[in-house]
Every structure is written in C-alpha cells, then in structure tokens.
Amino acid sequence: LGGILIASWGGFKHHLHTTLLAGGVYGTIMIGLGTAHV
C-alpha cells in the first residue's frame, strides 16, 4: 500500500521532506505498537 501511495502521489517536491515525514510517522506508530493491548 505504501508503494502504491508513493508511486501515485510522488511525495513532496523536496524529496527528503517526504522521508522526514515518514520517519516521524514511523516513530509515532512504533509508540503505538508499544501501547497496543489487543
């Protein structure tokens, strides 16, 4: 799904802004993984 997203969207004009956003989201979801109870 992520591959389809980046292929269709293309990301921000400054490519690494996309990487930084994804990195921030990844970190947030890691916290979510750690707090998942079900």
PDB file of all heavy atoms in Angstrom:
ATOM      1  N   LEU A   1       0.832  -1.212   0.000  1.00  0.00           N
ATOM      2  CA  LEU A   1       0.000   0.000   0.000  1.00  0.00           C
ATOM      3  C   LEU A   1       0.864   1.258   0.000  1.00  0.00           C
ATOM      4  O   LEU A   1       0.556   2.241  -0.692  1.00  0.00           O
ATOM      5  CB  LEU A   1      -0.926  -0.004   1.221  1.00  0.00           C
ATOM      6  CG  LEU A   1      -1.944  -1.148   1.288  1.00  0.00           C
ATOM      7  CD1 LEU A   1      -2.709  -1.104   2.608  1.00  0.00           C
ATOM      8  CD2 LEU A   1      -2.900  -1.087   0.109  1.00  0.00           C
ATOM      9  N   GLY A   2       1.971   1.224   0.767  1.00  0.00           N
ATOM     10  CA  GLY A   2       2.876   2.373   0.795  1.00  0.00           C
ATOM     11  C   GLY A   2       3.541   2.604  -0.546  1.00  0.00           C
ATOM     12  O   GLY A   2       3.738   3.758  -0.973  1.00  0.00           O
ATOM     13  N   GLY A   3       3.903   1.515  -1.228  1.00  0.00           N
ATOM     14  CA  GLY A   3       4.499   1.639  -2.560  1.00  0.00           C
ATOM     15  C   GLY A   3       3.523   2.253  -3.548  1.00  0.00           C
ATOM     16  O   GLY A   3       3.894   3.100  -4.364  1.00  0.00           O
ATOM     17  N   ILE A   4       2.259   1.828  -3.475  1.00  0.00           N
ATOM     18  CA  ILE A   4       1.230   2.412  -4.347  1.00  0.00           C
ATOM     19  C   ILE A   4       1.052   3.901  -4.034  1.00  0.00           C
ATOM     20  O   ILE A   4       0.928   4.737  -4.938  1.00  0.00           O
ATOM     21  CB  ILE A   4      -0.105   1.663  -4.168  1.00  0.00           C
ATOM     22  CG1 ILE A   4       0.020   0.220  -4.681  1.00  0.00           C
ATOM     23  CG2 ILE A   4      -1.240   2.392  -4.887  1.00  0.00           C
ATOM     24  CD1 ILE A   4      -1.181  -0.650  -4.357  1.00  0.00           C
ATOM     25  N   LEU A   5       1.076   4.244  -2.735  1.00  0.00           N
ATOM     26  CA  LEU A   5       0.914   5.635  -2.310  1.00  0.00           C
ATOM     27  C   LEU A   5       2.023   6.518  -2.867  1.00  0.00           C
ATOM     28  O   LEU A   5       1.749   7.563  -3.476  1.00  0.00           O
ATOM     29  CB  LEU A   5       0.890   5.711  -0.777  1.00  0.00           C
ATOM     30  CG  LEU A   5       0.900   7.120  -0.165  1.00  0.00           C
ATOM     31  CD1 LEU A   5      -0.345   7.892  -0.566  1.00  0.00           C
ATOM     32  CD2 LEU A   5       1.024   7.041   1.361  1.00  0.00           C
ATOM     33  N   ILE A   6       3.276   6.113  -2.691  1.00  0.00           N
ATOM     34  CA  ILE A   6       4.386   6.964  -3.123  1.00  0.00           C
ATOM     35  C   ILE A   6       4.483   7.008  -4.644  1.00  0.00           C
ATOM     36  O   ILE A   6       4.886   8.021  -5.233  1.00  0.00           O
ATOM     37  CB  ILE A   6       5.722   6.508  -2.482  1.00  0.00           C
ATOM     38  CG1 ILE A   6       6.795   7.601  -2.631  1.00  0.00           C
ATOM     39  CG2 ILE A   6       6.221   5.204  -3.066  1.00  0.00           C
ATOM     40  CD1 ILE A   6       6.517   8.863  -1.879  1.00  0.00           C
ATOM     41  N   ALA A   7       4.082   5.909  -5.322  1.00  0.00           N
ATOM     42  CA  ALA A   7       4.119   5.885  -6.787  1.00  0.00           C
ATOM     43  C   ALA A   7       3.059   6.808  -7.383  1.00  0.00           C
ATOM     44  O   ALA A   7       3.296   7.469  -8.400  1.00  0.00           O
ATOM     45  CB  ALA A   7       3.928   4.457  -7.294  1.00  0.00           C
ATOM     46  N   SER A   8       1.883   6.873  -6.754  1.00  0.00           N
ATOM     47  CA  SER A   8       0.795   7.710  -7.281  1.00  0.00           C
ATOM     48  C   SER A   8       0.922   9.164  -6.828  1.00  0.00           C
ATOM     49  O   SER A   8       0.642  10.084  -7.593  1.00  0.00           O
ATOM     50  CB  SER A   8      -0.556   7.143  -6.836  1.00  0.00           C
ATOM     51  OG  SER A   8      -0.617   7.035  -5.420  1.00  0.00           O
ATOM     52  N   TRP A   9       1.367   9.362  -5.582  1.00  0.00           N
ATOM     53  CA  TRP A   9       1.491  10.704  -5.027  1.00  0.00           C
ATOM     54  C   TRP A   9       2.772  11.382  -5.505  1.00  0.00           C
ATOM     55  O   TRP A   9       2.772  12.524  -5.953  1.00  0.00           O
ATOM     56  CB  TRP A   9       1.439  10.625  -3.502  1.00  0.00           C
ATOM     57  CG  TRP A   9       1.803  11.888  -2.772  1.00  0.00           C
ATOM     58  CD1 TRP A   9       1.522  13.170  -3.134  1.00  0.00           C
ATOM     59  CD2 TRP A   9       2.537  11.978  -1.543  1.00  0.00           C
ATOM     60  NE1 TRP A   9       2.024  14.063  -2.203  1.00  0.00           N
ATOM     61  CE2 TRP A   9       2.656  13.354  -1.220  1.00  0.00           C
ATOM     62  CE3 TRP A   9       3.097  11.046  -0.689  1.00  0.00           C
ATOM     63  CZ2 TRP A   9       3.327  13.793  -0.080  1.00  0.00           C
ATOM     64  CZ3 TRP A   9       3.742  11.478   0.449  1.00  0.00           C
ATOM     65  CH2 TRP A   9       3.861  12.843   0.745  1.00  0.00           C
ATOM     66  N   GLY A  10       3.885  10.695  -5.420  1.00  0.00           N
ATOM     67  CA  GLY A  10       5.162  11.262  -5.837  1.00  0.00           C
ATOM     68  C   GLY A  10       5.901  11.998  -4.734  1.00  0.00           C
ATOM     69  O   GLY A  10       7.052  12.384  -4.913  1.00  0.00           O
ATOM     70  N   GLY A  11       5.259  12.209  -3.597  1.00  0.00           N
ATOM     71  CA  GLY A  11       5.933  12.877  -2.486  1.00  0.00           C
ATOM     72  C   GLY A  11       6.040  14.375  -2.677  1.00  0.00           C
ATOM     73  O   GLY A  11       5.581  14.947  -3.667  1.00  0.00           O
ATOM     74  N   PHE A  12       6.668  15.051  -1.694  1.00  0.00           N
ATOM     75  CA  PHE A  12       6.886  16.495  -1.774  1.00  0.00           C
ATOM     76  C   PHE A  12       7.952  16.813  -2.822  1.00  0.00           C
ATOM     77  O   PHE A  12       8.766  15.956  -3.194  1.00  0.00           O
ATOM     78  CB  PHE A  12       7.326  17.038  -0.413  1.00  0.00           C
ATOM     79  CG  PHE A  12       6.292  16.865   0.666  1.00  0.00           C
ATOM     80  CD1 PHE A  12       6.579  16.127   1.807  1.00  0.00           C
ATOM     81  CD2 PHE A  12       5.036  17.447   0.552  1.00  0.00           C
ATOM     82  CE1 PHE A  12       5.646  15.958   2.811  1.00  0.00           C
ATOM     83  CE2 PHE A  12       4.087  17.287   1.552  1.00  0.00           C
ATOM     84  CZ  PHE A  12       4.389  16.542   2.679  1.00  0.00           C
ATOM     85  N   LYS A  13       7.962  18.058  -3.271  1.00  0.00           N
ATOM     86  CA  LYS A  13       8.952  18.482  -4.262  1.00  0.00           C
ATOM     87  C   LYS A  13      10.365  18.277  -3.723  1.00  0.00           C
ATOM     88  O   LYS A  13      11.260  17.827  -4.444  1.00  0.00           O
ATOM     89  CB  LYS A  13       8.728  19.955  -4.627  1.00  0.00           C
ATOM     90  CG  LYS A  13       9.638  20.445  -5.738  1.00  0.00           C
ATOM     91  CD  LYS A  13       9.309  21.881  -6.126  1.00  0.00           C
ATOM     92  CE  LYS A  13      10.232  22.352  -7.250  1.00  0.00           C
ATOM     93  NZ  LYS A  13       9.946  23.763  -7.643  1.00  0.00           N
ATOM     94  N   HIS A  14      10.594  18.639  -2.461  1.00  0.00           N
ATOM     95  CA  HIS A  14      11.857  18.328  -1.795  1.00  0.00           C
ATOM     96  C   HIS A  14      11.709  16.912  -1.250  1.00  0.00           C
ATOM     97  O   HIS A  14      11.040  16.682  -0.248  1.00  0.00           O
ATOM     98  CB  HIS A  14      12.112  19.325  -0.668  1.00  0.00           C
ATOM     99  CG  HIS A  14      13.487  19.229  -0.059  1.00  0.00           C
ATOM    100  ND1 HIS A  14      14.072  18.037   0.287  1.00  0.00           N
ATOM    101  CD2 HIS A  14      14.400  20.181   0.264  1.00  0.00           C
ATOM    102  CE1 HIS A  14      15.267  18.242   0.796  1.00  0.00           C
ATOM    103  NE2 HIS A  14      15.494  19.546   0.783  1.00  0.00           N
ATOM    104  N   HIS A  15      12.332  15.966  -1.928  1.00  0.00           N
ATOM    105  CA  HIS A  15      12.071  14.548  -1.660  1.00  0.00           C
ATOM    106  C   HIS A  15      12.291  14.162  -0.199  1.00  0.00           C
ATOM    107  O   HIS A  15      11.530  13.372   0.371  1.00  0.00           O
ATOM    108  CB  HIS A  15      12.956  13.674  -2.555  1.00  0.00           C
ATOM    109  CG  HIS A  15      12.747  13.907  -4.023  1.00  0.00           C
ATOM    110  ND1 HIS A  15      11.500  14.090  -4.581  1.00  0.00           N
ATOM    111  CD2 HIS A  15      13.639  13.983  -5.056  1.00  0.00           C
ATOM    112  CE1 HIS A  15      11.622  14.280  -5.881  1.00  0.00           C
ATOM    113  NE2 HIS A  15      12.902  14.212  -6.191  1.00  0.00           N
ATOM    114  N   LEU A  16      13.330  14.709   0.428  1.00  0.00           N
ATOM    115  CA  LEU A  16      13.651  14.282   1.781  1.00  0.00           C
ATOM    116  C   LEU A  16      12.667  14.809   2.818  1.00  0.00           C
ATOM    117  O   LEU A  16      12.642  14.320   3.950  1.00  0.00           O
ATOM    118  CB  LEU A  16      15.090  14.673   2.144  1.00  0.00           C
ATOM    119  CG  LEU A  16      16.162  13.917   1.351  1.00  0.00           C
ATOM    120  CD1 LEU A  16      17.551  14.275   1.836  1.00  0.00           C
ATOM    121  CD2 LEU A  16      15.963  12.398   1.450  1.00  0.00           C
ATOM    122  N   HIS A  17      11.850  15.799   2.452  1.00  0.00           N
ATOM    123  CA  HIS A  17      10.758  16.188   3.345  1.00  0.00           C
ATOM    124  C   HIS A  17       9.768  15.029   3.486  1.00  0.00           C
ATOM    125  O   HIS A  17       9.177  14.819   4.562  1.00  0.00           O
ATOM    126  CB  HIS A  17      10.036  17.430   2.807  1.00  0.00           C
ATOM    127  CG  HIS A  17      10.832  18.687   2.972  1.00  0.00           C
ATOM    128  ND1 HIS A  17      10.432  19.908   2.465  1.00  0.00           N
ATOM    129  CD2 HIS A  17      12.030  18.914   3.579  1.00  0.00           C
ATOM    130  CE1 HIS A  17      11.337  20.836   2.766  1.00  0.00           C
ATOM    131  NE2 HIS A  17      12.307  20.251   3.439  1.00  0.00           N
ATOM    132  N   THR A  18       9.610  14.264   2.410  1.00  0.00           N
ATOM    133  CA  THR A  18       8.761  13.074   2.466  1.00  0.00           C
ATOM    134  C   THR A  18       9.369  12.032   3.402  1.00  0.00           C
ATOM    135  O   THR A  18       8.673  11.416   4.218  1.00  0.00           O
ATOM    136  CB  THR A  18       8.595  12.470   1.059  1.00  0.00           C
ATOM    137  OG1 THR A  18       8.209  13.495   0.137  1.00  0.00           O
ATOM    138  CG2 THR A  18       7.540  11.366   1.064  1.00  0.00           C
ATOM    139  N   THR A  19      10.683  11.849   3.289  1.00  0.00           N
ATOM    140  CA  THR A  19      11.377  10.902   4.163  1.00  0.00           C
ATOM    141  C   THR A  19      11.253  11.312   5.627  1.00  0.00           C
ATOM    142  O   THR A  19      11.000  10.466   6.501  1.00  0.00           O
ATOM    143  CB  THR A  19      12.870  10.805   3.770  1.00  0.00           C
ATOM    144  OG1 THR A  19      12.974  10.163   2.494  1.00  0.00           O
ATOM    145  CG2 THR A  19      13.669  10.014   4.788  1.00  0.00           C
ATOM    146  N   LEU A  20      11.428  12.596   5.916  1.00  0.00           N
ATOM    147  CA  LEU A  20      11.341  13.075   7.296  1.00  0.00           C
ATOM    148  C   LEU A  20       9.926  12.921   7.853  1.00  0.00           C
ATOM    149  O   LEU A  20       9.742  12.549   9.018  1.00  0.00           O
ATOM    150  CB  LEU A  20      11.798  14.532   7.379  1.00  0.00           C
ATOM    151  CG  LEU A  20      13.287  14.781   7.117  1.00  0.00           C
ATOM    152  CD1 LEU A  20      13.591  16.277   7.112  1.00  0.00           C
ATOM    153  CD2 LEU A  20      14.147  14.076   8.166  1.00  0.00           C
ATOM    154  N   LEU A  21       8.925  13.197   7.014  1.00  0.00           N
ATOM    155  CA  LEU A  21       7.541  12.996   7.445  1.00  0.00           C
ATOM    156  C   LEU A  21       7.299  11.518   7.740  1.00  0.00           C
ATOM    157  O   LEU A  21       6.725  11.165   8.783  1.00  0.00           O
ATOM    158  CB  LEU A  21       6.577  13.483   6.363  1.00  0.00           C
ATOM    159  CG  LEU A  21       5.088  13.199   6.623  1.00  0.00           C
ATOM    160  CD1 LEU A  21       4.613  13.915   7.885  1.00  0.00           C
ATOM    161  CD2 LEU A  21       4.240  13.606   5.420  1.00  0.00           C
ATOM    162  N   ALA A  22       7.761  10.654   6.830  1.00  0.00           N
ATOM    163  CA  ALA A  22       7.586   9.211   7.028  1.00  0.00           C
ATOM    164  C   ALA A  22       8.324   8.741   8.275  1.00  0.00           C
ATOM    165  O   ALA A  22       7.823   7.888   9.022  1.00  0.00           O
ATOM    166  CB  ALA A  22       8.080   8.450   5.797  1.00  0.00           C
ATOM    167  N   GLY A  23       9.522   9.311   8.519  1.00  0.00           N
ATOM    168  CA  GLY A  23      10.279   8.958   9.718  1.00  0.00           C
ATOM    169  C   GLY A  23       9.532   9.340  10.986  1.00  0.00           C
ATOM    170  O   GLY A  23       9.463   8.567  11.951  1.00  0.00           O
ATOM    171  N   GLY A  24       8.950  10.539  10.985  1.00  0.00           N
ATOM    172  CA  GLY A  24       8.182  10.980  12.143  1.00  0.00           C
ATOM    173  C   GLY A  24       6.955  10.115  12.381  1.00  0.00           C
ATOM    174  O   GLY A  24       6.640   9.746  13.522  1.00  0.00           O
ATOM    175  N   VAL A  25       6.256   9.782  11.288  1.00  0.00           N
ATOM    176  CA  VAL A  25       5.080   8.912  11.398  1.00  0.00           C
ATOM    177  C   VAL A  25       5.496   7.521  11.870  1.00  0.00           C
ATOM    178  O   VAL A  25       4.824   6.907  12.714  1.00  0.00           O
ATOM    179  CB  VAL A  25       4.341   8.836  10.041  1.00  0.00           C
ATOM    180  CG1 VAL A  25       3.207   7.812  10.104  1.00  0.00           C
ATOM    181  CG2 VAL A  25       3.782  10.203   9.660  1.00  0.00           C
ATOM    182  N   TYR A  26       6.614   7.016  11.338  1.00  0.00           N
ATOM    183  CA  TYR A  26       7.118   5.696  11.732  1.00  0.00           C
ATOM    184  C   TYR A  26       7.371   5.659  13.240  1.00  0.00           C
ATOM    185  O   TYR A  26       6.972   4.717  13.932  1.00  0.00           O
ATOM    186  CB  TYR A  26       8.412   5.394  10.970  1.00  0.00           C
ATOM    187  CG  TYR A  26       8.846   3.940  11.000  1.00  0.00           C
ATOM    188  CD1 TYR A  26       8.844   3.179   9.838  1.00  0.00           C
ATOM    189  CD2 TYR A  26       9.291   3.330  12.170  1.00  0.00           C
ATOM    190  CE1 TYR A  26       9.247   1.846   9.845  1.00  0.00           C
ATOM    191  CE2 TYR A  26       9.682   2.001  12.194  1.00  0.00           C
ATOM    192  CZ  TYR A  26       9.661   1.269  11.025  1.00  0.00           C
ATOM    193  OH  TYR A  26      10.053  -0.044  11.050  1.00  0.00           O
ATOM    194  N   GLY A  27       8.045   6.704  13.751  1.00  0.00           N
ATOM    195  CA  GLY A  27       8.315   6.773  15.189  1.00  0.00           C
ATOM    196  C   GLY A  27       7.038   6.797  16.009  1.00  0.00           C
ATOM    197  O   GLY A  27       6.929   6.122  17.042  1.00  0.00           O
ATOM    198  N   THR A  28       6.047   7.563  15.537  1.00  0.00           N
ATOM    199  CA  THR A  28       4.759   7.644  16.233  1.00  0.00           C
ATOM    200  C   THR A  28       4.074   6.279  16.273  1.00  0.00           C
ATOM    201  O   THR A  28       3.516   5.873  17.310  1.00  0.00           O
ATOM    202  CB  THR A  28       3.848   8.669  15.536  1.00  0.00           C
ATOM    203  OG1 THR A  28       4.517   9.941  15.480  1.00  0.00           O
ATOM    204  CG2 THR A  28       2.527   8.820  16.276  1.00  0.00           C
ATOM    205  N   ILE A  29       4.134   5.559  15.139  1.00  0.00           N
ATOM    206  CA  ILE A  29       3.483   4.241  15.078  1.00  0.00           C
ATOM    207  C   ILE A  29       4.238   3.229  15.938  1.00  0.00           C
ATOM    208  O   ILE A  29       3.625   2.321  16.522  1.00  0.00           O
ATOM    209  CB  ILE A  29       3.360   3.755  13.620  1.00  0.00           C
ATOM    210  CG1 ILE A  29       2.527   4.748  12.804  1.00  0.00           C
ATOM    211  CG2 ILE A  29       2.706   2.378  13.568  1.00  0.00           C
ATOM    212  CD1 ILE A  29       2.523   4.469  11.315  1.00  0.00           C
ATOM    213  N   MET A  30       5.573   3.355  16.032  1.00  0.00           N
ATOM    214  CA  MET A  30       6.323   2.487  16.945  1.00  0.00           C
ATOM    215  C   MET A  30       5.819   2.648  18.378  1.00  0.00           C
ATOM    216  O   MET A  30       5.680   1.670  19.119  1.00  0.00           O
ATOM    217  CB  MET A  30       7.819   2.803  16.884  1.00  0.00           C
ATOM    218  CG  MET A  30       8.539   2.230  15.679  1.00  0.00           C
ATOM    219  SD  MET A  30      10.310   2.625  15.669  1.00  0.00           S
ATOM    220  CE  MET A  30      10.907   1.600  17.031  1.00  0.00           C
ATOM    221  N   ILE A  31       5.541   3.896  18.763  1.00  0.00           N
ATOM    222  CA  ILE A  31       4.965   4.146  20.096  1.00  0.00           C
ATOM    223  C   ILE A  31       3.604   3.456  20.195  1.00  0.00           C
ATOM    224  O   ILE A  31       3.267   2.843  21.214  1.00  0.00           O
ATOM    225  CB  ILE A  31       4.835   5.659  20.348  1.00  0.00           C
ATOM    226  CG1 ILE A  31       6.223   6.322  20.343  1.00  0.00           C
ATOM    227  CG2 ILE A  31       4.114   5.928  21.671  1.00  0.00           C
ATOM    228  CD1 ILE A  31       6.184   7.848  20.360  1.00  0.00           C
ATOM    229  N   GLY A  32       2.819   3.540  19.101  1.00  0.00           N
ATOM    230  CA  GLY A  32       1.521   2.874  19.072  1.00  0.00           C
ATOM    231  C   GLY A  32       1.640   1.358  19.199  1.00  0.00           C
ATOM    232  O   GLY A  32       0.833   0.720  19.892  1.00  0.00           O
ATOM    233  N   LEU A  33       2.642   0.781  18.538  1.00  0.00           N
ATOM    234  CA  LEU A  33       2.892  -0.658  18.663  1.00  0.00           C
ATOM    235  C   LEU A  33       3.151  -1.039  20.117  1.00  0.00           C
ATOM    236  O   LEU A  33       2.667  -2.062  20.611  1.00  0.00           O
ATOM    237  CB  LEU A  33       4.100  -1.072  17.815  1.00  0.00           C
ATOM    238  CG  LEU A  33       3.900  -1.389  16.335  1.00  0.00           C
ATOM    239  CD1 LEU A  33       5.243  -1.715  15.692  1.00  0.00           C
ATOM    240  CD2 LEU A  33       2.948  -2.556  16.143  1.00  0.00           C
ATOM    241  N   GLY A  34       3.939  -0.198  20.782  1.00  0.00           N
ATOM    242  CA  GLY A  34       4.294  -0.475  22.166  1.00  0.00           C
ATOM    243  C   GLY A  34       3.139  -0.353  23.137  1.00  0.00           C
ATOM    244  O   GLY A  34       3.194  -0.891  24.249  1.00  0.00           O
ATOM    245  N   THR A  35       2.095   0.360  22.709  1.00  0.00           N
ATOM    246  CA  THR A  35       0.942   0.558  23.601  1.00  0.00           C
ATOM    247  C   THR A  35      -0.274  -0.277  23.172  1.00  0.00           C
ATOM    248  O   THR A  35      -1.343  -0.145  23.761  1.00  0.00           O
ATOM    249  CB  THR A  35       0.545   2.045  23.640  1.00  0.00           C
ATOM    250  OG1 THR A  35       0.271   2.498  22.302  1.00  0.00           O
ATOM    251  CG2 THR A  35       1.651   2.895  24.238  1.00  0.00           C
ATOM    252  N   ALA A  36      -0.104  -1.113  22.140  1.00  0.00           N
ATOM    253  CA  ALA A  36      -1.219  -1.944  21.655  1.00  0.00           C
ATOM    254  C   ALA A  36      -1.512  -3.060  22.659  1.00  0.00           C
ATOM    255  O   ALA A  36      -0.628  -3.844  22.998  1.00  0.00           O
ATOM    256  CB  ALA A  36      -0.880  -2.530  20.291  1.00  0.00           C
ATOM    257  N   HIS A  37      -2.758  -3.138  23.109  1.00  0.00           N
ATOM    258  CA  HIS A  37      -3.143  -4.129  24.121  1.00  0.00           C
ATOM    259  C   HIS A  37      -3.965  -5.277  23.540  1.00  0.00           C
ATOM    260  O   HIS A  37      -4.169  -6.285  24.224  1.00  0.00           O
ATOM    261  CB  HIS A  37      -3.926  -3.454  25.248  1.00  0.00           C
ATOM    262  CG  HIS A  37      -3.127  -2.431  25.987  1.00  0.00           C
ATOM    263  ND1 HIS A  37      -1.990  -2.747  26.700  1.00  0.00           N
ATOM    264  CD2 HIS A  37      -3.286  -1.080  26.112  1.00  0.00           C
ATOM    265  CE1 HIS A  37      -1.486  -1.647  27.245  1.00  0.00           C
ATOM    266  NE2 HIS A  37      -2.247  -0.625  26.896  1.00  0.00           N
ATOM    267  N   VAL A  38      -4.471  -5.099  22.311  1.00  0.00           N
ATOM    268  CA  VAL A  38      -5.220  -6.173  21.659  1.00  0.00           C
ATOM    269  C   VAL A  38      -4.548  -6.474  20.328  1.00  0.00           C
ATOM    270  O   VAL A  38      -3.948  -5.600  19.694  1.00  0.00           O
ATOM    271  CB  VAL A  38      -6.696  -5.795  21.442  1.00  0.00           C
ATOM    272  CG1 VAL A  38      -7.413  -5.678  22.779  1.00  0.00           C
ATOM    273  CG2 VAL A  38      -6.832  -4.499  20.651  1.00  0.00           C
TER     274      VAL A  38
END
